[in-house]
Amino acid sequence: MEQLKLNNGQMIPQLGLGVFKVQDPDDLKSAVAAALKSGYRHFDTATIYKNEAWLGEALAESDVKREDLFITSKVWNSNTTYDETIAAFHESLKLLQTDYLDLYLIHWPSEGYNEKWRAMESLYNDGLIKSIGVSNFEKPHMEKLLTTAKIKPTVDQIETHPYFQQKELHEYLKSLDIAHEAWGPLGQGKGNVMEDPTLAKIAEAHDKSIAQVILRWHLQRDIIVIPKSVHAERIAQNIDVFDFTLTDEEMKLIASIDKNQRGSGDPNDEEFLKGTLSRK
């Protein structure tokens, strides 16, 4: 498994398993078992996913040592204060059956994120989190955060796929030495990314699936990916992307199909962000 070095020196597996919307404990546990068997060690969850406990159980039941795992969770938008963030973090630790997290993220740039960050810096300094970062932060959010932050984020986890390539934000994060992590890396089934003829042609040339080509494209952009699946065959297929390389021409072809087409919530939409505050 290839790894990237974060700006604090910590190593992160470049490919992990996302568990967004996995709402059946048996599905999640079987997915985690399949992932561990296939070589995954990086797992990404969040408070709002309501499945931290199941992930914690699945990992505790495995024979993989905690120090060999990389576990990420995220604080939800309804936790707007310093104290609420501290409490939410400790609840996540309890549910995940661990005494530290490898990465903890602010899920969205909603109300109070500077205070959330101050709490996360405290947890980081106490050794309870190995790395702290953000999710869905655009340049203006990052600039505002950096006005009060004493510790720079290690990661920004943002929607990224061939139809929404985030080229400008990617370069901005690169200039700050903040790792770009992609959620929805395969397009979330929206916009027919998985049926794109350019991607299909490249996949055929490498005897790979379109999903494998997309994941390889992310990896070659130095992006961390967390594809989601509960199917053992697909989980194994998604990690089988380290035995081929896309050519410069193929990378350019994929760059050319960008539609700047967001498939989910817009972090620049204040009404959208306000609407998330009541969700728990």
Protein backbone atom coordinates (compact mmCIF):
# COMPACT_ATOMS: atom_id res chain seq x y z
CA MET A 1 0.00 0.00 0.00
CA GLU A 2 1.40 3.37 -1.00
CA GLN A 3 1.46 6.04 1.69
CA LEU A 4 1.74 9.82 1.72
CA LYS A 5 3.56 11.90 4.31
CA LEU A 6 1.38 14.58 5.90
CA ASN A 7 2.78 18.00 6.82
CA ASN A 8 3.30 16.89 10.44
CA GLY A 9 5.34 13.86 9.37
CA GLN A 10 2.61 11.26 9.87
CA MET A 11 2.15 8.67 7.14
CA ILE A 12 -1.34 7.98 5.75
CA PRO A 13 -2.32 5.05 3.51
CA GLN A 14 -3.27 6.63 0.20
CA LEU A 15 -6.29 4.36 -0.25
CA GLY A 16 -8.87 3.50 2.39
CA LEU A 17 -12.43 2.26 2.84
CA GLY A 18 -15.19 4.81 3.31
CA VAL A 19 -18.31 3.74 5.22
CA PHE A 20 -20.65 6.64 4.39
CA LYS A 21 -24.33 5.55 4.32
CA VAL A 22 -23.57 1.98 5.47
CA GLN A 23 -26.53 1.55 7.82
CA ASP A 24 -26.57 -2.20 8.36
CA PRO A 25 -24.14 -3.56 10.98
CA ASP A 26 -23.72 -6.89 9.22
CA ASP A 27 -22.96 -5.17 5.91
CA LEU A 28 -20.39 -2.95 7.57
CA LYS A 29 -18.69 -5.75 9.47
CA SER A 30 -18.47 -7.97 6.39
CA ALA A 31 -17.13 -5.04 4.35
CA VAL A 32 -14.43 -4.34 6.95
CA ALA A 33 -13.49 -8.03 7.09
CA ALA A 34 -13.21 -8.13 3.29
CA ALA A 35 -11.20 -4.92 3.28
CA LEU A 36 -8.73 -6.13 5.90
CA LYS A 37 -8.30 -9.39 3.97
CA SER A 38 -7.58 -7.40 0.79
CA GLY A 39 -4.94 -5.28 2.51
CA TYR A 40 -6.83 -2.16 3.59
CA ARG A 41 -5.67 -0.54 6.82
CA HIS A 42 -7.29 2.91 6.44
CA PHE A 43 -10.95 3.36 7.45
CA ASP A 44 -12.99 6.57 7.26
CA THR A 45 -16.16 7.23 9.26
CA ALA A 46 -17.93 10.20 10.92
CA THR A 47 -20.25 10.94 13.82
CA ILE A 48 -23.15 11.67 11.46
CA TYR A 49 -22.77 8.30 9.70
CA LYS A 50 -24.08 6.61 12.87
CA ASN A 51 -21.84 3.59 12.33
CA GLU A 52 -18.73 4.30 14.42
CA ALA A 53 -19.72 1.61 16.93
CA TRP A 54 -20.02 -1.06 14.23
CA LEU A 55 -16.68 -0.08 12.73
CA GLY A 56 -15.12 -0.20 16.19
CA GLU A 57 -16.52 -3.69 16.77
CA ALA A 58 -15.36 -4.94 13.38
CA LEU A 59 -11.81 -3.68 13.89
CA ALA A 60 -11.67 -4.96 17.49
CA GLU A 61 -12.71 -8.42 16.30
CA SER A 62 -9.91 -8.53 13.72
CA ASP A 63 -6.38 -9.72 14.40
CA VAL A 64 -4.84 -6.51 13.01
CA LYS A 65 -2.96 -4.50 15.62
CA ARG A 66 -4.24 -1.01 16.38
CA GLU A 67 -0.89 0.56 15.46
CA ASP A 68 -1.25 -0.92 11.97
CA LEU A 69 -4.63 0.75 11.41
CA PHE A 70 -5.42 4.31 10.33
CA ILE A 71 -8.82 5.46 11.63
CA THR A 72 -10.48 8.74 10.64
CA SER A 73 -13.65 10.27 12.05
CA LYS A 74 -15.27 13.70 11.81
CA VAL A 75 -17.00 16.09 14.18
CA TRP A 76 -20.51 17.01 13.02
CA ASN A 77 -21.86 20.51 12.36
CA SER A 78 -24.24 20.56 15.35
CA ASN A 79 -21.22 20.60 17.67
CA THR A 80 -20.44 24.30 17.39
CA THR A 81 -18.45 25.05 20.56
CA TYR A 82 -15.11 24.07 22.08
CA ASP A 83 -16.72 21.92 24.79
CA GLU A 84 -19.15 20.24 22.40
CA THR A 85 -16.27 19.31 20.10
CA ILE A 86 -14.28 17.79 22.98
CA ALA A 87 -17.33 15.80 24.09
CA ALA A 88 -18.10 14.61 20.55
CA PHE A 89 -14.52 13.44 20.10
CA HIS A 90 -14.53 11.39 23.31
CA GLU A 91 -17.84 9.80 22.29
CA SER A 92 -16.27 8.80 18.96
CA LEU A 93 -13.29 7.27 20.79
CA LYS A 94 -15.64 5.25 22.96
CA LEU A 95 -17.71 3.99 20.03
CA LEU A 96 -14.62 3.14 17.99
CA GLN A 97 -13.10 1.25 20.95
CA THR A 98 -9.77 3.04 20.71
CA ASP A 99 -7.77 5.46 22.84
CA TYR A 100 -6.67 7.68 19.95
CA LEU A 101 -7.61 8.62 16.38
CA ASP A 102 -5.17 8.85 13.52
CA LEU A 103 -7.11 11.69 11.89
CA TYR A 104 -10.01 13.86 13.07
CA LEU A 105 -11.74 16.27 10.71
CA ILE A 106 -14.18 19.16 10.88
CA HIS A 107 -16.92 17.74 8.65
CA TRP A 108 -18.18 20.99 7.07
CA PRO A 109 -17.23 24.69 7.36
CA SER A 110 -20.39 25.51 9.30
CA GLU A 111 -20.87 27.80 12.29
CA GLY A 112 -18.09 27.82 14.88
CA TYR A 113 -15.33 26.07 12.98
CA ASN A 114 -12.56 28.25 14.44
CA GLU A 115 -13.63 27.18 17.95
CA LYS A 116 -13.87 23.55 16.86
CA TRP A 117 -10.34 23.82 15.56
CA ARG A 118 -9.10 25.22 18.87
CA ALA A 119 -10.58 22.17 20.62
CA MET A 120 -8.98 19.83 18.10
CA GLU A 121 -5.60 21.51 18.59
CA SER A 122 -5.95 20.80 22.32
CA LEU A 123 -6.76 17.13 21.66
CA TYR A 124 -3.83 16.93 19.25
CA ASN A 125 -1.46 18.45 21.82
CA ASP A 126 -2.72 15.92 24.39
CA GLY A 127 -1.76 13.08 22.03
CA LEU A 128 -5.33 11.88 21.52
CA ILE A 129 -5.27 12.63 17.78
CA LYS A 130 -2.26 11.97 15.54
CA SER A 131 -3.38 14.46 12.86
CA ILE A 132 -6.14 17.05 12.54
CA GLY A 133 -7.76 18.30 9.38
CA VAL A 134 -10.88 19.58 7.68
CA SER A 135 -13.45 18.45 5.16
CA ASN A 136 -15.35 20.41 2.51
CA PHE A 137 -13.27 23.55 3.09
CA GLU A 138 -12.88 25.92 0.15
CA LYS A 139 -10.19 28.60 -0.03
CA PRO A 140 -12.17 31.30 1.89
CA HIS A 141 -12.92 28.85 4.73
CA MET A 142 -9.29 27.82 4.93
CA GLU A 143 -8.12 31.43 4.95
CA LYS A 144 -10.50 32.23 7.83
CA LEU A 145 -9.39 29.15 9.76
CA LEU A 146 -5.72 30.04 9.35
CA THR A 147 -6.29 33.46 10.95
CA THR A 148 -6.67 31.75 14.35
CA ALA A 149 -5.14 28.30 13.86
CA LYS A 150 -1.91 27.52 15.68
CA ILE A 151 -1.62 24.19 13.88
CA LYS A 152 -2.13 23.94 10.13
CA PRO A 153 -4.58 21.29 8.89
CA THR A 154 -2.91 18.18 7.51
CA VAL A 155 -5.80 17.20 5.21
CA ASP A 156 -8.78 18.70 3.39
CA GLN A 157 -11.26 15.97 2.41
CA ILE A 158 -13.36 17.28 -0.49
CA GLU A 159 -15.65 15.95 -3.20
CA THR A 160 -13.39 15.08 -6.14
CA HIS A 161 -13.93 12.91 -9.22
CA PRO A 162 -13.31 13.15 -12.99
CA TYR A 163 -16.38 15.35 -13.52
CA PHE A 164 -15.46 17.59 -10.55
CA GLN A 165 -11.69 17.67 -10.49
CA GLN A 166 -11.14 20.60 -8.10
CA LYS A 167 -8.08 21.75 -10.05
CA GLU A 168 -7.79 25.22 -8.47
CA LEU A 169 -8.43 24.00 -4.94
CA HIS A 170 -5.98 21.15 -5.51
CA GLU A 171 -3.22 23.62 -6.39
CA TYR A 172 -4.14 25.87 -3.46
CA LEU A 173 -3.90 22.97 -1.00
CA LYS A 174 -0.63 21.91 -2.58
CA SER A 175 0.77 25.42 -2.04
CA LEU A 176 -0.06 25.11 1.68
CA ASP A 177 1.31 21.55 1.96
CA ILE A 178 -2.16 20.32 2.94
CA ALA A 179 -3.03 16.87 1.59
CA HIS A 180 -6.01 16.58 -0.77
CA GLU A 181 -8.30 13.70 0.15
CA ALA A 182 -11.21 12.77 -2.14
CA TRP A 183 -14.62 11.71 -0.96
CA GLY A 184 -16.99 10.40 -3.62
CA PRO A 185 -13.90 9.59 -5.72
CA LEU A 186 -15.92 7.53 -8.20
CA GLY A 187 -18.58 10.20 -8.67
CA GLN A 188 -21.18 8.77 -6.25
CA GLY A 189 -23.06 7.28 -9.19
CA LYS A 190 -24.09 10.76 -10.36
CA GLY A 191 -23.39 12.32 -13.73
CA ASN A 192 -22.67 8.99 -15.47
CA VAL A 193 -18.95 9.20 -14.67
CA MET A 194 -18.76 5.41 -14.68
CA GLU A 195 -20.06 5.34 -18.26
CA ASP A 196 -17.72 7.97 -19.67
CA PRO A 197 -16.34 6.84 -23.08
CA THR A 198 -12.90 8.37 -22.48
CA LEU A 199 -12.54 6.47 -19.23
CA ALA A 200 -13.88 3.30 -20.85
CA LYS A 201 -11.25 3.47 -23.58
CA ILE A 202 -8.43 3.95 -21.08
CA ALA A 203 -9.77 1.10 -18.94
CA GLU A 204 -9.82 -1.23 -21.94
CA ALA A 205 -6.21 -0.34 -22.78
CA HIS A 206 -5.08 -1.41 -19.31
CA ASP A 207 -7.48 -4.34 -18.90
CA LYS A 208 -8.88 -2.61 -15.84
CA SER A 209 -12.33 -1.38 -14.80
CA ILE A 210 -13.37 2.26 -15.10
CA ALA A 211 -13.39 2.46 -11.29
CA GLN A 212 -9.79 1.25 -11.16
CA VAL A 213 -8.73 3.83 -13.76
CA ILE A 214 -10.41 6.62 -11.78
CA LEU A 215 -8.75 5.56 -8.54
CA ARG A 216 -5.38 5.31 -10.29
CA TRP A 217 -5.90 8.84 -11.68
CA HIS A 218 -6.48 10.15 -8.16
CA LEU A 219 -3.39 8.38 -6.83
CA GLN A 220 -1.21 9.85 -9.57
CA ARG A 221 -2.45 13.32 -8.58
CA ASP A 222 -1.19 12.58 -5.03
CA ILE A 223 -4.76 12.46 -3.77
CA ILE A 224 -5.89 10.20 -0.92
CA VAL A 225 -9.00 8.18 -1.81
CA ILE A 226 -11.66 6.45 0.31
CA PRO A 227 -13.97 4.59 -2.10
CA LYS A 228 -17.06 3.13 -0.46
CA SER A 229 -18.40 -0.37 -1.07
CA VAL A 230 -19.97 -3.21 0.90
CA HIS A 231 -19.28 -5.80 -1.81
CA ALA A 232 -16.21 -7.97 -1.21
CA GLU A 233 -15.39 -8.31 -4.91
CA ARG A 234 -15.51 -4.55 -5.50
CA ILE A 235 -13.56 -3.83 -2.31
CA ALA A 236 -10.79 -6.12 -3.57
CA GLN A 237 -10.96 -4.59 -7.04
CA ASN A 238 -10.67 -1.04 -5.69
CA ILE A 239 -7.35 -1.74 -3.98
CA ASP A 240 -5.94 -3.55 -7.02
CA VAL A 241 -4.67 -0.31 -8.55
CA PHE A 242 -0.97 -0.36 -7.72
CA ASP A 243 0.19 -2.57 -10.60
CA PHE A 244 -0.32 -0.15 -13.50
CA THR A 245 0.36 3.49 -14.35
CA LEU A 246 -1.58 5.92 -16.50
CA THR A 247 0.48 7.67 -19.17
CA ASP A 248 0.86 11.45 -19.28
CA GLU A 249 -1.44 11.47 -22.30
CA GLU A 250 -4.09 9.47 -20.44
CA MET A 251 -3.85 11.85 -17.48
CA LYS A 252 -4.38 14.77 -19.89
CA LEU A 253 -7.38 13.04 -21.46
CA ILE A 254 -9.00 12.58 -18.05
CA ALA A 255 -8.24 16.21 -17.19
CA SER A 256 -10.13 17.22 -20.33
CA ILE A 257 -13.45 15.62 -19.26
CA ASP A 258 -13.87 17.84 -16.18
CA LYS A 259 -17.38 19.36 -16.06
CA ASN A 260 -17.02 21.21 -12.74
CA GLN A 261 -20.10 19.20 -11.78
CA ARG A 262 -20.64 18.94 -8.03
CA GLY A 263 -22.73 15.95 -6.99
CA SER A 264 -23.54 16.86 -3.41
CA GLY A 265 -23.85 19.76 -0.96
CA ASP A 266 -22.05 23.00 -1.74
CA PRO A 267 -19.91 24.31 1.16
CA ASN A 268 -20.26 27.81 -0.30
CA ASP A 269 -24.05 27.67 0.19
CA GLU A 270 -24.77 29.28 3.57
CA GLU A 271 -28.39 28.09 3.57
CA PHE A 272 -27.26 24.51 3.01
CA LEU A 273 -24.78 24.78 5.90
CA LYS A 274 -27.38 26.31 8.24
CA GLY A 275 -29.74 23.48 7.39
CA THR A 276 -27.23 20.90 8.61
CA LEU A 277 -26.96 22.40 12.11
CA SER A 278 -30.21 20.77 13.27
CA ARG A 279 -29.15 17.30 12.10
CA LYS A 280 -27.74 15.07 14.81
